[in-house]
């Protein structure tokens, strides 16, 4: 893979924001063509326990393909009464 000055060819960088018990943000490098599901799996996030995934501020299905520079926000289930 070649470095073209903005990343490695064939790879994308995605910002992952975890919105549980305070906000945690990290940058994750993935192969081009990766989806929200791939990001969650590689980050060790249990998709069964995730309530909402937003891609660039909009609801995203698990099979949504990611692009370089995307921001993925993950919200846990909310409990209460």
C-alpha atoms as a PDB file:
ATOM      1  CA  UNK A   1       0.000   0.000   0.000  1.00  0.00           C
ATOM      2  CA  UNK A   2       1.270   3.448  -0.869  1.00  0.00           C
ATOM      3  CA  UNK A   3       1.281   6.518   1.324  1.00  0.00           C
ATOM      4  CA  UNK A   4      -0.142   9.385  -0.732  1.00  0.00           C
ATOM      5  CA  UNK A   5       0.336  12.072   1.939  1.00  0.00           C
ATOM      6  CA  UNK A   6      -3.199  11.702   3.277  1.00  0.00           C
ATOM      7  CA  UNK A   7      -3.200   8.108   4.444  1.00  0.00           C
ATOM      8  CA  UNK A   8      -2.454   4.683   3.075  1.00  0.00           C
ATOM      9  CA  UNK A   9      -4.023   3.733  -0.247  1.00  0.00           C
ATOM     10  CA  UNK A  10      -6.790   1.218   0.400  1.00  0.00           C
ATOM     11  CA  UNK A  11      -7.288   2.436   3.967  1.00  0.00           C
ATOM     12  CA  UNK A  12      -9.662   4.973   5.512  1.00  0.00           C
ATOM     13  CA  UNK A  13      -9.575   6.774   8.858  1.00  0.00           C
ATOM     14  CA  UNK A  14     -12.879   7.047  10.733  1.00  0.00           C
ATOM     15  CA  UNK A  15     -13.568   8.929  13.961  1.00  0.00           C
ATOM     16  CA  UNK A  16     -15.368   6.783  16.523  1.00  0.00           C
ATOM     17  CA  UNK A  17     -17.263   8.529  19.317  1.00  0.00           C
ATOM     18  CA  UNK A  18     -18.472   6.392  22.218  1.00  0.00           C
ATOM     19  CA  UNK A  19     -21.275   8.207  24.041  1.00  0.00           C
ATOM     20  CA  UNK A  20     -21.434   6.107  27.238  1.00  0.00           C
ATOM     21  CA  UNK A  21     -20.452   7.369  30.700  1.00  0.00           C
ATOM     22  CA  UNK A  22     -18.688  10.339  29.184  1.00  0.00           C
ATOM     23  CA  UNK A  23     -17.527  10.788  25.634  1.00  0.00           C
ATOM     24  CA  UNK A  24     -14.536   8.875  24.301  1.00  0.00           C
ATOM     25  CA  UNK A  25     -13.199   9.631  20.835  1.00  0.00           C
ATOM     26  CA  UNK A  26     -10.648   7.690  18.811  1.00  0.00           C
ATOM     27  CA  UNK A  27      -9.513   7.406  15.219  1.00  0.00           C
ATOM     28  CA  UNK A  28      -9.761   3.951  13.670  1.00  0.00           C
ATOM     29  CA  UNK A  29      -8.056   2.873  10.433  1.00  0.00           C
ATOM     30  CA  UNK A  30     -10.046   0.413   8.326  1.00  0.00           C
ATOM     31  CA  UNK A  31      -9.874  -1.100   4.864  1.00  0.00           C
ATOM     32  CA  UNK A  32     -11.832   0.690   2.137  1.00  0.00           C
ATOM     33  CA  UNK A  33     -15.295  -0.841   1.839  1.00  0.00           C
ATOM     34  CA  UNK A  34     -15.637  -1.404   5.599  1.00  0.00           C
ATOM     35  CA  UNK A  35     -19.080  -0.945   7.130  1.00  0.00           C
ATOM     36  CA  UNK A  36     -20.424   0.289  10.459  1.00  0.00           C
ATOM     37  CA  UNK A  37     -20.610  -3.354  11.582  1.00  0.00           C
ATOM     38  CA  UNK A  38     -16.937  -3.907  10.807  1.00  0.00           C
ATOM     39  CA  UNK A  39     -16.018  -0.784  12.794  1.00  0.00           C
ATOM     40  CA  UNK A  40     -18.053  -1.907  15.810  1.00  0.00           C
ATOM     41  CA  UNK A  41     -16.651  -5.452  15.678  1.00  0.00           C
ATOM     42  CA  UNK A  42     -13.043  -4.287  15.365  1.00  0.00           C
ATOM     43  CA  UNK A  43     -13.562  -1.852  18.238  1.00  0.00           C
ATOM     44  CA  UNK A  44     -14.942  -4.582  20.510  1.00  0.00           C
ATOM     45  CA  UNK A  45     -18.411  -3.034  20.700  1.00  0.00           C
ATOM     46  CA  UNK A  46     -21.258  -5.497  21.278  1.00  0.00           C
ATOM     47  CA  UNK A  47     -23.731  -4.659  18.505  1.00  0.00           C
ATOM     48  CA  UNK A  48     -26.536  -6.364  20.430  1.00  0.00           C
ATOM     49  CA  UNK A  49     -26.112  -3.799  23.223  1.00  0.00           C
ATOM     50  CA  UNK A  50     -25.835  -0.751  20.984  1.00  0.00           C
ATOM     51  CA  UNK A  51     -28.978   1.325  20.727  1.00  0.00           C
ATOM     52  CA  UNK A  52     -28.145   3.846  18.015  1.00  0.00           C
ATOM     53  CA  UNK A  53     -25.341   4.325  15.521  1.00  0.00           C
ATOM     54  CA  UNK A  54     -25.076   7.708  13.840  1.00  0.00           C
ATOM     55  CA  UNK A  55     -22.930   8.316  10.764  1.00  0.00           C
ATOM     56  CA  UNK A  56     -22.083  11.989  10.350  1.00  0.00           C
ATOM     57  CA  UNK A  57     -25.056  12.863  12.572  1.00  0.00           C
ATOM     58  CA  UNK A  58     -27.623  10.654  10.823  1.00  0.00           C
ATOM     59  CA  UNK A  59     -28.984   7.220  11.720  1.00  0.00           C
ATOM     60  CA  UNK A  60     -26.995   4.467  10.000  1.00  0.00           C
ATOM     61  CA  UNK A  61     -27.786   0.834   9.264  1.00  0.00           C
ATOM     62  CA  UNK A  62     -25.062  -1.694  10.199  1.00  0.00           C
ATOM     63  CA  UNK A  63     -24.270  -2.429   6.539  1.00  0.00           C
ATOM     64  CA  UNK A  64     -23.645   1.226   5.660  1.00  0.00           C
ATOM     65  CA  UNK A  65     -20.250   1.631   3.983  1.00  0.00           C
ATOM     66  CA  UNK A  66     -17.834   4.073   5.604  1.00  0.00           C
ATOM     67  CA  UNK A  67     -15.679   6.682   3.872  1.00  0.00           C
ATOM     68  CA  UNK A  68     -12.467   8.413   4.880  1.00  0.00           C
ATOM     69  CA  UNK A  69     -13.193  11.152   7.442  1.00  0.00           C
ATOM     70  CA  UNK A  70     -16.600   9.849   8.529  1.00  0.00           C
ATOM     71  CA  UNK A  71     -17.671  10.344  12.149  1.00  0.00           C
ATOM     72  CA  UNK A  72     -19.480   7.406  13.777  1.00  0.00           C
ATOM     73  CA  UNK A  73     -21.234   8.042  17.106  1.00  0.00           C
ATOM     74  CA  UNK A  74     -22.374   5.052  19.156  1.00  0.00           C
ATOM     75  CA  UNK A  75     -25.015   5.354  21.877  1.00  0.00           C
ATOM     76  CA  UNK A  76     -25.744   2.597  24.427  1.00  0.00           C
ATOM     77  CA  UNK A  77     -29.225   1.478  25.448  1.00  0.00           C
ATOM     78  CA  UNK A  78     -30.964   3.856  27.819  1.00  0.00           C
ATOM     79  CA  UNK A  79     -32.679   2.492  30.916  1.00  0.00           C
ATOM     80  CA  UNK A  80     -34.906   4.180  33.382  1.00  0.00           C
ATOM     81  CA  UNK A  81     -38.402   4.672  34.312  1.00  0.00           C
END
